[in-house]
C-alpha atoms as a PDB file:
ATOM      1  CA  MET A   1       0.047  -0.070  -0.180  1.00  0.00           C
ATOM      2  CA  SER A   2       1.464   3.384  -0.973  1.00  0.00           C
ATOM      3  CA  GLN A   3       2.157   6.053   1.937  1.00  0.00           C
ATOM      4  CA  ALA A   4      -0.531   8.519  -0.481  1.00  0.00           C
ATOM      5  CA  THR A   5      -3.135   5.909   0.285  1.00  0.00           C
ATOM      6  CA  ILE A   6      -2.498   5.735   3.567  1.00  0.00           C
ATOM      7  CA  THR A   7      -2.716   9.124   4.055  1.00  0.00           C
ATOM      8  CA  SER A   8      -5.919   9.253   2.222  1.00  0.00           C
ATOM      9  CA  VAL A   9      -7.995   6.612   4.414  1.00  0.00           C
ATOM     10  CA  LEU A  10      -6.966   8.116   7.505  1.00  0.00           C
ATOM     11  CA  TYR A  11      -7.707  11.715   6.326  1.00  0.00           C
ATOM     12  CA  ARG A  12     -11.183  10.716   5.325  1.00  0.00           C
ATOM     13  CA  ILE A  13     -11.756   8.570   8.699  1.00  0.00           C
ATOM     14  CA  LEU A  14     -10.404  11.643  10.761  1.00  0.00           C
ATOM     15  CA  TRP A  15     -12.840  14.025   8.838  1.00  0.00           C
ATOM     16  CA  ASP A  16     -15.739  11.541   9.721  1.00  0.00           C
ATOM     17  CA  THR A  17     -14.503  11.073  13.314  1.00  0.00           C
ATOM     18  CA  ALA A  18     -14.779  14.709  13.614  1.00  0.00           C
ATOM     19  CA  PHE A  19     -18.228  15.421  11.769  1.00  0.00           C
ATOM     20  CA  LEU A  20     -19.445  12.868  14.081  1.00  0.00           C
ATOM     21  CA  VAL A  21     -18.140  14.167  17.562  1.00  0.00           C
ATOM     22  CA  GLY A  22     -18.214  17.880  16.398  1.00  0.00           C
ATOM     23  CA  PRO A  23     -21.880  18.864  17.064  1.00  0.00           C
ATOM     24  CA  PRO A  24     -22.510  16.736  20.406  1.00  0.00           C
ATOM     25  CA  LEU A  25     -19.227  18.768  21.503  1.00  0.00           C
ATOM     26  CA  LEU A  26     -20.745  21.835  20.419  1.00  0.00           C
ATOM     27  CA  VAL A  27     -23.753  21.790  21.831  1.00  0.00           C
ATOM     28  CA  SER A  28     -22.606  20.018  25.485  1.00  0.00           C
ATOM     29  CA  THR A  29     -19.980  22.998  25.333  1.00  0.00           C
ATOM     30  CA  VAL A  30     -22.481  25.734  24.189  1.00  0.00           C
ATOM     31  CA  ILE A  31     -25.031  23.845  26.949  1.00  0.00           C
ATOM     32  CA  ALA A  32     -22.186  24.107  29.684  1.00  0.00           C
ATOM     33  CA  PHE A  33     -21.251  28.022  29.342  1.00  0.00           C
ATOM     34  CA  VAL A  34     -25.471  29.150  29.278  1.00  0.00           C
ATOM     35  CA  ILE A  35     -25.732  26.822  32.766  1.00  0.00           C
ATOM     36  CA  GLY A  36     -22.594  28.058  33.991  1.00  0.00           C
ATOM     37  CA  ILE A  37     -23.672  31.565  33.476  1.00  0.00           C
ATOM     38  CA  LEU A  38     -26.776  30.943  35.318  1.00  0.00           C
ATOM     39  CA  GLN A  39     -25.132  29.250  38.151  1.00  0.00           C
ATOM     40  CA  ALA A  40     -23.462  32.379  38.380  1.00  0.00           C
ATOM     41  CA  VAL A  41     -26.022  34.848  38.483  1.00  0.00           C
ATOM     42  CA  THR A  42     -28.278  32.826  40.267  1.00  0.00           C
ATOM     43  CA  GLN A  43     -25.511  32.056  42.712  1.00  0.00           C
ATOM     44  CA  THR A  44     -26.224  28.020  42.987  1.00  0.00           C
ATOM     45  CA  GLN A  45     -23.261  25.815  43.487  1.00  0.00           C
ATOM     46  CA  GLU A  46     -24.967  22.615  42.521  1.00  0.00           C
ATOM     47  CA  GLN A  47     -22.182  20.870  40.490  1.00  0.00           C
ATOM     48  CA  THR A  48     -24.441  17.751  39.033  1.00  0.00           C
ATOM     49  CA  LEU A  49     -26.897  19.969  36.874  1.00  0.00           C
ATOM     50  CA  PRO A  50     -24.739  21.000  34.170  1.00  0.00           C
ATOM     51  CA  GLN A  51     -23.404  17.380  33.464  1.00  0.00           C
ATOM     52  CA  THR A  52     -27.558  15.889  33.863  1.00  0.00           C
ATOM     53  CA  VAL A  53     -28.674  18.325  31.572  1.00  0.00           C
ATOM     54  CA  LYS A  54     -25.829  18.094  28.814  1.00  0.00           C
ATOM     55  CA  MET A  55     -26.682  14.240  29.155  1.00  0.00           C
ATOM     56  CA  VAL A  56     -30.041  14.947  28.436  1.00  0.00           C
ATOM     57  CA  VAL A  57     -29.122  17.311  25.631  1.00  0.00           C
ATOM     58  CA  ILE A  58     -26.272  14.487  24.125  1.00  0.00           C
ATOM     59  CA  THR A  59     -28.961  11.663  24.325  1.00  0.00           C
ATOM     60  CA  LEU A  60     -31.676  13.544  22.393  1.00  0.00           C
ATOM     61  CA  MET A  61     -29.578  14.573  20.241  1.00  0.00           C
ATOM     62  CA  LEU A  62     -27.648  11.135  19.227  1.00  0.00           C
ATOM     63  CA  VAL A  63     -31.379   9.899  19.167  1.00  0.00           C
ATOM     64  CA  PHE A  64     -32.534  12.130  16.571  1.00  0.00           C
ATOM     65  CA  LEU A  65     -30.005  12.892  14.711  1.00  0.00           C
ATOM     66  CA  GLY A  66     -27.549   9.589  14.532  1.00  0.00           C
ATOM     67  CA  ASN A  67     -28.464   8.826  11.548  1.00  0.00           C
ATOM     68  CA  THR A  68     -27.187  11.927   9.966  1.00  0.00           C
ATOM     69  CA  LEU A  69     -24.270  12.224  12.109  1.00  0.00           C
ATOM     70  CA  ILE A  70     -23.167   8.356  11.357  1.00  0.00           C
ATOM     71  CA  GLY A  71     -23.519   8.337   7.770  1.00  0.00           C
ATOM     72  CA  PRO A  72     -20.440   9.411   6.549  1.00  0.00           C
ATOM     73  CA  PHE A  73     -18.404   7.637   8.827  1.00  0.00           C
ATOM     74  CA  TYR A  74     -20.321   4.149   7.774  1.00  0.00           C
ATOM     75  CA  SER A  75     -19.735   5.410   4.632  1.00  0.00           C
ATOM     76  CA  SER A  76     -15.963   5.301   4.762  1.00  0.00           C
ATOM     77  CA  SER A  77     -15.817   2.082   6.675  1.00  0.00           C
ATOM     78  CA  SER A  78     -17.931   0.033   4.532  1.00  0.00           C
ATOM     79  CA  GLU A  79     -15.338   1.344   1.796  1.00  0.00           C
ATOM     80  CA  ILE A  80     -12.034   0.824   3.769  1.00  0.00           C
ATOM     81  CA  PHE A  81     -13.653  -2.559   4.403  1.00  0.00           C
ATOM     82  CA  SER A  82     -14.934  -3.481   0.581  1.00  0.00           C
ATOM     83  CA  ASN A  83     -12.009  -2.321  -1.022  1.00  0.00           C
ATOM     84  CA  PHE A  84      -9.472  -4.002   1.832  1.00  0.00           C
ATOM     85  CA  HIS A  85      -8.029  -6.629  -0.554  1.00  0.00           C
ATOM     86  CA  ARG A  86      -6.263  -3.761  -2.564  1.00  0.00           C
ATOM     87  CA  TYR A  87      -4.541  -2.276   0.037  1.00  0.00           C
ATOM     88  CA  HIS A  88      -2.746  -5.348   0.998  1.00  0.00           C
ATOM     89  CA  ARG A  89       0.785  -6.031  -1.014  1.00  0.00           C
END
């Protein structure tokens, strides 16, 4: 297998993984920021509130958008395994 092939396959998997992880990470960051501001304004020192809200929102996000997020990763993996015989020397 040439170095260019390995690089292109790894780049595609990395990009698809970033597409899969990016939206939930962005949503959890925004939620943590908003809840942190609300806790600072109300002077609430509850530690489990941001974690609980983030877990619920990310779970709902993955339930409703899971197929959309996993689609590119699944197609890349399927293509790699179907062309696996070409990668071997």
